[in-house]
Amino acid sequence: MKIISFIAELAENNTKEWFDIHRDQYNLARKELVDFTAKVLESLSHSNPWVSVLSPSKCLYRINRDIRFSKNKAPYKTGIGIFIAPGGRSSGNAGYYLHLEPNNNYIGGGVYAPQPAVLSAIRQEIYFNSDSFIKILNAPAFKDNFDQMMDDRLKRPPKGFPPDFKHIDLLKYKHFVISRPLNAEIISDNKMVEKLLPFFEAQRDFITFLNMAIANSEEIYP
């Protein structure tokens, strides 16, 4: 993909001056990325009806970095993120994620750093429906592709839940995110969308469970 070669060059020349000179090159790469994202959405919509109302612009992040509070003043991101979630990338819902970056391509999904009310609702959903959640985590397709969640957890059980709960470790997670690396062959394949689809489908029940919890949080905390 043109966008990967572009951001590889950008990583070596991360200035506004360089970007302005190469803006036409970026625009061509961006168009290819938009077309690619549209194909991903079309493929996913067959088993995820909510995807059919999304447009690529709702799933793609801006290449500009927010440098207001960062010590790193490089103006542009050197990785491309595609986040496919109900309502779009800024909705706060769980979704599918694809990251494209030279030597750091990966696919995954979930919800990162949810708001406290949302995090509490996810924990409650797991607490009351732990058998269903564990069944999702142990499903062969899921387990073969995503062996664990992002390991950032509380040291102690979260407030409001019994410490002796059988699956208390699941409630300690601060994020509910999974990922796996993608090899360069998949990224460069002209059948890339087809080859990514099984990775997306493997996590569909995981995403659905989280969004059900998030929907419940909106009912509890309107």
Protein backbone atom coordinates (compact mmCIF):
# COMPACT_ATOMS: atom_id res chain seq x y z
CA MET A 1 0.00 0.00 0.00
CA LYS A 2 1.21 3.47 -0.86
CA ILE A 3 0.38 4.77 2.62
CA ILE A 4 2.92 2.43 4.25
CA SER A 5 5.79 3.58 2.04
CA PHE A 6 4.69 7.18 2.58
CA ILE A 7 4.71 6.98 6.37
CA ALA A 8 8.07 5.19 6.23
CA GLU A 9 9.47 8.27 4.50
CA LEU A 10 7.55 10.54 6.84
CA ALA A 11 9.15 8.88 9.87
CA GLU A 12 12.53 10.06 8.55
CA ASN A 13 11.27 13.55 7.66
CA ASN A 14 8.60 14.43 10.19
CA THR A 15 8.26 18.16 9.54
CA LYS A 16 5.51 20.32 8.10
CA GLU A 17 7.89 21.59 5.42
CA TRP A 18 8.60 18.07 4.12
CA PHE A 19 4.91 17.11 4.31
CA ASP A 20 3.83 20.18 2.34
CA ILE A 21 6.29 19.36 -0.43
CA HIS A 22 4.99 15.78 -0.58
CA ARG A 23 1.29 16.55 -0.03
CA ASP A 24 0.28 15.27 -3.49
CA GLN A 25 2.00 11.97 -2.71
CA TYR A 26 0.09 11.80 0.58
CA ASN A 27 -3.23 12.57 -1.11
CA LEU A 28 -2.74 9.66 -3.53
CA ALA A 29 -1.84 7.34 -0.66
CA ARG A 30 -4.81 8.58 1.37
CA LYS A 31 -7.20 7.91 -1.51
CA GLU A 32 -5.93 4.35 -1.78
CA LEU A 33 -6.40 3.98 2.00
CA VAL A 34 -9.98 5.29 1.82
CA ASP A 35 -10.78 2.84 -0.99
CA PHE A 36 -9.22 0.00 0.99
CA THR A 37 -11.24 0.93 4.10
CA ALA A 38 -14.43 0.98 2.03
CA LYS A 39 -13.69 -2.59 0.91
CA VAL A 40 -13.12 -3.67 4.51
CA LEU A 41 -16.43 -2.10 5.55
CA GLU A 42 -18.27 -3.79 2.71
CA SER A 43 -16.82 -7.19 3.68
CA LEU A 44 -17.59 -6.75 7.38
CA SER A 45 -21.14 -5.52 6.79
CA HIS A 46 -22.32 -9.01 5.80
CA SER A 47 -21.96 -10.28 9.37
CA ASN A 48 -22.09 -6.92 11.18
CA PRO A 49 -25.16 -5.03 9.89
CA TRP A 50 -24.24 -1.86 11.81
CA VAL A 51 -21.12 -1.51 9.65
CA SER A 52 -23.22 -0.79 6.55
CA VAL A 53 -23.99 2.77 7.71
CA LEU A 54 -20.34 3.70 8.29
CA SER A 55 -18.16 5.58 5.84
CA PRO A 56 -14.34 5.40 5.72
CA SER A 57 -14.13 8.95 7.10
CA LYS A 58 -15.85 7.73 10.28
CA CYS A 59 -13.17 5.06 10.75
CA LEU A 60 -9.90 6.78 9.81
CA TYR A 61 -7.87 8.92 12.19
CA ARG A 62 -6.22 12.15 11.13
CA ILE A 63 -2.52 11.96 10.38
CA ASN A 64 -1.87 15.13 12.41
CA ARG A 65 -0.73 14.59 15.98
CA ASP A 66 -2.10 16.59 18.91
CA ILE A 67 1.16 18.02 20.23
CA ARG A 68 -0.29 20.54 22.69
CA PHE A 69 0.57 18.50 25.79
CA SER A 70 3.29 16.27 24.39
CA LYS A 71 7.05 16.57 24.71
CA ASN A 72 7.28 14.97 21.27
CA LYS A 73 6.58 17.84 18.87
CA ALA A 74 6.71 15.79 15.65
CA PRO A 75 3.59 17.02 13.82
CA TYR A 76 2.50 13.79 12.14
CA LYS A 77 1.71 10.22 13.11
CA THR A 78 3.85 7.51 11.57
CA GLY A 79 1.23 4.80 11.94
CA ILE A 80 -2.22 4.57 10.37
CA GLY A 81 -5.18 3.46 12.48
CA ILE A 82 -8.52 2.21 11.17
CA PHE A 83 -11.15 1.80 13.90
CA ILE A 84 -14.51 0.32 12.92
CA ALA A 85 -17.11 0.73 15.68
CA PRO A 86 -20.84 1.46 15.89
CA GLY A 87 -21.17 5.22 15.50
CA GLY A 88 -17.60 5.64 14.28
CA ARG A 89 -14.14 5.99 15.78
CA SER A 90 -15.15 8.64 18.35
CA SER A 91 -18.30 6.95 19.63
CA GLY A 92 -16.74 5.30 22.69
CA ASN A 93 -18.01 1.92 21.52
CA ALA A 94 -15.95 -1.23 21.11
CA GLY A 95 -14.82 -1.99 17.59
CA TYR A 96 -12.34 -3.57 15.22
CA TYR A 97 -8.89 -2.03 14.83
CA LEU A 98 -6.26 -2.28 12.11
CA HIS A 99 -2.86 -0.63 12.50
CA LEU A 100 -0.57 -0.08 9.52
CA GLU A 101 3.02 0.96 10.12
CA PRO A 102 6.37 -0.24 8.74
CA ASN A 103 7.48 -3.24 10.82
CA ASN A 104 4.54 -2.80 13.20
CA ASN A 105 1.35 -3.99 11.54
CA TYR A 106 -1.33 -5.53 13.74
CA ILE A 107 -5.04 -6.23 13.97
CA GLY A 108 -7.27 -6.33 17.01
CA GLY A 109 -10.19 -4.69 18.68
CA GLY A 110 -12.08 -3.87 21.83
CA VAL A 111 -12.37 -0.70 23.86
CA TYR A 112 -9.35 1.25 25.14
CA ALA A 113 -9.48 3.44 28.27
CA PRO A 114 -13.28 3.44 28.62
CA GLN A 115 -14.93 6.11 30.72
CA PRO A 116 -15.49 5.04 34.38
CA ALA A 117 -19.22 4.42 33.91
CA VAL A 118 -18.54 2.33 30.81
CA LEU A 119 -15.75 0.38 32.49
CA SER A 120 -18.02 -0.32 35.45
CA ALA A 121 -20.79 -1.52 33.13
CA ILE A 122 -18.40 -3.87 31.30
CA ARG A 123 -17.25 -5.30 34.62
CA GLN A 124 -20.85 -5.79 35.71
CA GLU A 125 -21.67 -7.53 32.44
CA ILE A 126 -18.75 -9.90 32.95
CA TYR A 127 -19.67 -10.43 36.61
CA PHE A 128 -23.25 -11.41 35.83
CA ASN A 129 -22.48 -13.23 32.58
CA SER A 130 -19.01 -14.61 33.20
CA ASP A 131 -19.79 -17.99 31.66
CA SER A 132 -20.76 -16.33 28.38
CA PHE A 133 -17.66 -14.11 28.38
CA ILE A 134 -15.29 -16.99 29.16
CA LYS A 135 -16.92 -19.04 26.41
CA ILE A 136 -16.10 -16.22 23.98
CA LEU A 137 -12.49 -16.04 25.19
CA ASN A 138 -12.12 -19.82 24.87
CA ALA A 139 -13.71 -20.14 21.43
CA PRO A 140 -11.14 -21.87 19.17
CA ALA A 141 -11.05 -19.13 16.50
CA PHE A 142 -10.63 -16.43 19.13
CA LYS A 143 -8.06 -18.29 21.19
CA ASP A 144 -5.99 -19.26 18.15
CA ASN A 145 -5.69 -15.63 17.09
CA PHE A 146 -5.88 -13.60 20.30
CA ASP A 147 -4.40 -15.42 23.25
CA GLN A 148 -4.75 -12.64 25.83
CA MET A 149 -6.04 -9.16 26.47
CA MET A 150 -3.86 -6.08 26.89
CA ASP A 151 -2.30 -6.74 30.28
CA ASP A 152 -2.92 -3.53 32.20
CA ARG A 153 -4.80 -4.42 35.37
CA LEU A 154 -5.60 -3.19 38.84
CA LYS A 155 -3.55 -4.74 41.62
CA ARG A 156 -6.62 -5.08 43.80
CA PRO A 157 -10.22 -6.05 42.96
CA PRO A 158 -12.31 -3.11 41.73
CA LYS A 159 -14.66 -1.51 44.22
CA GLY A 160 -18.17 -2.89 44.31
CA PHE A 161 -17.24 -6.46 43.42
CA PRO A 162 -16.61 -9.33 45.86
CA PRO A 163 -12.89 -10.13 46.11
CA ASP A 164 -13.65 -13.85 46.21
CA PHE A 165 -15.45 -13.79 42.85
CA LYS A 166 -14.21 -16.80 40.88
CA HIS A 167 -13.15 -14.70 37.87
CA ILE A 168 -12.05 -11.56 39.70
CA ASP A 169 -8.93 -11.27 37.52
CA LEU A 170 -11.14 -10.52 34.51
CA LEU A 171 -12.64 -7.57 36.37
CA LYS A 172 -9.22 -6.04 37.07
CA TYR A 173 -8.58 -5.09 33.45
CA LYS A 174 -8.47 -1.34 32.75
CA HIS A 175 -8.92 -1.86 29.01
CA PHE A 176 -10.60 -4.64 27.07
CA VAL A 177 -8.31 -4.80 24.06
CA ILE A 178 -6.89 -7.65 22.02
CA SER A 179 -4.38 -7.66 19.16
CA ARG A 180 -2.09 -9.81 17.10
CA PRO A 181 0.75 -8.92 14.71
CA LEU A 182 0.37 -9.18 10.96
CA ASN A 183 3.22 -10.32 8.77
CA ALA A 184 4.39 -8.29 5.81
CA GLU A 185 3.07 -10.86 3.33
CA ILE A 186 -0.53 -10.19 4.34
CA ILE A 187 -0.09 -6.43 4.13
CA SER A 188 1.42 -6.60 0.65
CA ASP A 189 -1.04 -9.18 -0.72
CA ASN A 190 -3.58 -7.96 -3.30
CA LYS A 191 -6.12 -10.12 -1.45
CA MET A 192 -5.40 -8.37 1.84
CA VAL A 193 -9.06 -7.68 2.68
CA GLU A 194 -9.97 -11.35 2.25
CA LYS A 195 -7.03 -12.43 4.39
CA LEU A 196 -7.92 -9.98 7.18
CA LEU A 197 -11.57 -11.00 7.36
CA PRO A 198 -11.02 -14.17 9.47
CA PHE A 199 -9.15 -12.10 12.07
CA PHE A 200 -12.05 -9.66 12.26
CA GLU A 201 -14.64 -12.44 12.42
CA ALA A 202 -12.74 -14.26 15.19
CA GLN A 203 -13.37 -11.34 17.54
CA ARG A 204 -16.96 -10.52 16.54
CA ASP A 205 -18.55 -12.09 19.65
CA PHE A 206 -16.00 -10.28 21.86
CA ILE A 207 -16.90 -6.92 20.29
CA THR A 208 -20.63 -7.70 20.52
CA PHE A 209 -20.39 -8.57 24.22
CA LEU A 210 -18.55 -5.34 25.03
CA ASN A 211 -21.01 -3.20 23.08
CA MET A 212 -23.93 -4.85 24.83
CA ALA A 213 -22.34 -3.80 28.14
CA ILE A 214 -21.70 -0.29 26.82
CA ALA A 215 -25.34 0.00 25.71
CA ASN A 216 -26.37 -0.99 29.24
CA SER A 217 -24.12 1.73 30.69
CA GLU A 218 -25.94 4.32 28.58
CA GLU A 219 -29.23 3.14 30.04
CA ILE A 220 -27.87 3.32 33.58
CA TYR A 221 -25.96 6.59 33.10
CA PRO A 222 -27.93 8.52 30.44
